[in-house]
């Protein structure tokens, strides 16, 4: 057992190593007596001890004889007591002493942990009541759990795997998975049944520390107090109802995840997923594909490379009957993320004839499966009414008296659910941190690639993400809305007057002027005009004017919104501006009282017939001429389309007339002859005149329909009337003098000039009134609507994603997401904040392809 000192020979002087050359040690050893001879030479210490005991008895007080005999008997008993103890008994004594020492320190540690738990509970309660006047932030594990919920909601069928760490609890049916989970959560929260499948869907349990022992679902605000039996019963019932509701008709299990958060003092922070127990046979009442569905659910969760597999094995049954161990060994052959747990060890110790078999199970020698750690736990006596505290006491008492510990088959850190909970929590957070570091390294490389791409494609633009671009566009839109207030009154009135006349000119010409012009005298003309103007003002004109004003405001607003501002124009905002414009216009409502006030103003303007000076008279004549010339031009165009090209166009452009156009042309020539014969002809043809025209055409071999004759007559007479009106307008240029004398002693009548002056004045007054309404009220209301729309869009991430799109936006978003990763790499003073950021951007890395920018934006917030 001496160490090898060859390397240290230089320390010892050389003559020591040369002693064997001068002294024959073999002869010296043979000359010495052996062990038996030495034992015979030594005195008999037992007899010497007896002699000393006898002497002691004789010299003690009391009767000599009786005392002597008593001393002799006592000496014989002491002789038995001080017999030489065997090596095996010494080892047993040392083991018992070691166990007593371990239990002693274990109790001390539990007492300290209990005191620490109470102190932490007090601190959390003080924070909860706001004594420190600070708002408690959401815990890290709660944020992490929300990410898993988001991914679960995004892909309930789990087709798209994420690589976020979680603890996956798997095992055979009735192996004690739920009981282990309840011991870790320190509450009987799951429904249970004897031999019946109770876990019908994955249940995600998020454990975190809190001042009160409570549980709540992610989609409910109700808190279940886990210290009250009625709340525990209600929670178990709610979980069972949710499981049954998640199972589709004709199925036994569901892939839909039920999310539950459990908070309490002293709980280890982690996320566990309890899966349905693996079965070997489909029994009656189950769907035929139940076994395959459970296998697929278990594989889907276990194939996540960062998932920690908590493999639960029932210790009370033969290890050869286990199904889950083969499944786990397939998912994690090297055992780098598997923790093996043997349950019901108390039953196993009673039933198993050879205790070494339990040791082989714990050491993983009976299974092909490898694991990071092996644990043995006891989760109760099989009574569903047992409390967590009573189960803990029973578990501790069992392992204190168990031969598995006394014979060193199990180590102290491998037993009890408390040690298991600590080990799983440490493994979980280690896996989370490693995932964060891996993702951070990946983000560094991605950040460099994105920066290079940005520099090559957008060298002169700032890296503005979607939110920053929205703020920039918002400022531009508000500036453009403010520009509406800077439009000059003259510009408003010109646009309004022009647009309003374009809308009402047809009605004025067709329904007022032309019918009145057919009368034979000025009195009838003025009466007809007054009646029709009154009807028009009462029913149509105010509404039409408001429509024109509203459309004018829209056009001006659109012009400012879509107007390109040279090199500064950024077309990336076009869709957003268009959407803001459309939504603002949709929300805008014109003042309802505007029409009533406008009606009175227009009525008063049209009743006025007094032209005060020659300038107004000339302006009315000019206005009438422009209107009639425009109508005449339109009429000429209609006639040309009816009769086809004339002889010049037919020869120059080598085009001809259709048969219908030829008939129309012949009809036109016949009707023009009729007008030349009677220049004062009425606006409508009489029936006998229609017959005459038709017979004349038939005489020339042209068959024509009476309706075609009337239709052609309407356009021919219209052209004739407009030309006559224009010539009459020219005669009235010098008629202002006669107008002032009310056309006394004059055959000239210029009532049509007065009509157009009244219309022109009404247009000017209406335009002025509408301009005042626009500048004083409507522009400001529109500006308010635009601000409200921008505020609504700012809160709607989906809207921003839809309106601000393109490669440039997405590249800037990616760069913005990578920017904080650089801060993670550089480090922070607060390790928790650094890790929290890392966790958030781990989530970004997982979700950026799945959930796109909405979830990314939420997690960046």
Foldseek 3Di string as FASTA:
>chain_A
DDDDCPVVVVVDDPVVVVVVVVDPVVVVVVPDDDPVVVVVVDDDVVVVLLVVQQVVQCPDDDDRPVSNVVSNVVSVVVVVVPPDDDPVVVLLVVLLVVLVVVVVVVVVVVVVVVVVLVVVLVVQVCVVVCVVVDDDDDDLLVVLVVLVVVVCVLPVVLPDPFQFEAAEEAFAPPLCSLLLVCLLLQANQADDDDVDFQFQEKEKEWEEEHNFWWKDWPVDPDIQRRVDPVSSVVRNVVVSVVQVVQADPLARHHSGYTYMYTYYGPRQGGMYIYATHADDDDDPPHRPCHNVVSLVSSLSQLLSPLYAYEYRGELLDDPVPTDVQVSNCVSPVPAPRYEYEYEPVVNNLVPPPDPVVVLCVQVVVVGSHDHPHGAYEYSDDPDSPDHSVVRQVVGVVCVSPDVCSSVVSDDPLRYYSVSVSVVNSVSRVVSNVVLLVVLLVVLVVVLVVLVVVCCVPPVPDDLDALLRVLVVLLVLLLVLLVVVLVDDLVVLLVQLLVQLCVVCVVCCVPVQVVVLVLDDDDVSSVVSNLVVLLVCLVPPNLVSSVVSLLVVVLVSSVCSLPPADPPPDDCLCVLVSVVLSVQLSVPDDADPCSSVVLSVLLNVLLVDLDDPDLVLLVVLLVLLLVSLVVVLVVLVVVLCVQQDDDPVCCVPVVDDDDPRSPLLVLLLVLVVVVCVVPVSDGLFDDPVRLVVSQVVCVVVVRHDDSVSSRVSSNSSVSNSVSVVVNVLSVVCSPVPVCVVVVVPPHPRDPVVSSNSSSVSSSSSSSSSSSSCCCNVPRSVSSSVSSVVSSVVCSVDPVSSPVSRDDPSNVSSVSSVLSPVSVVLVVDDPDPVVSSSNSSLSSSCVRCCVSPNVPVNVVSVD
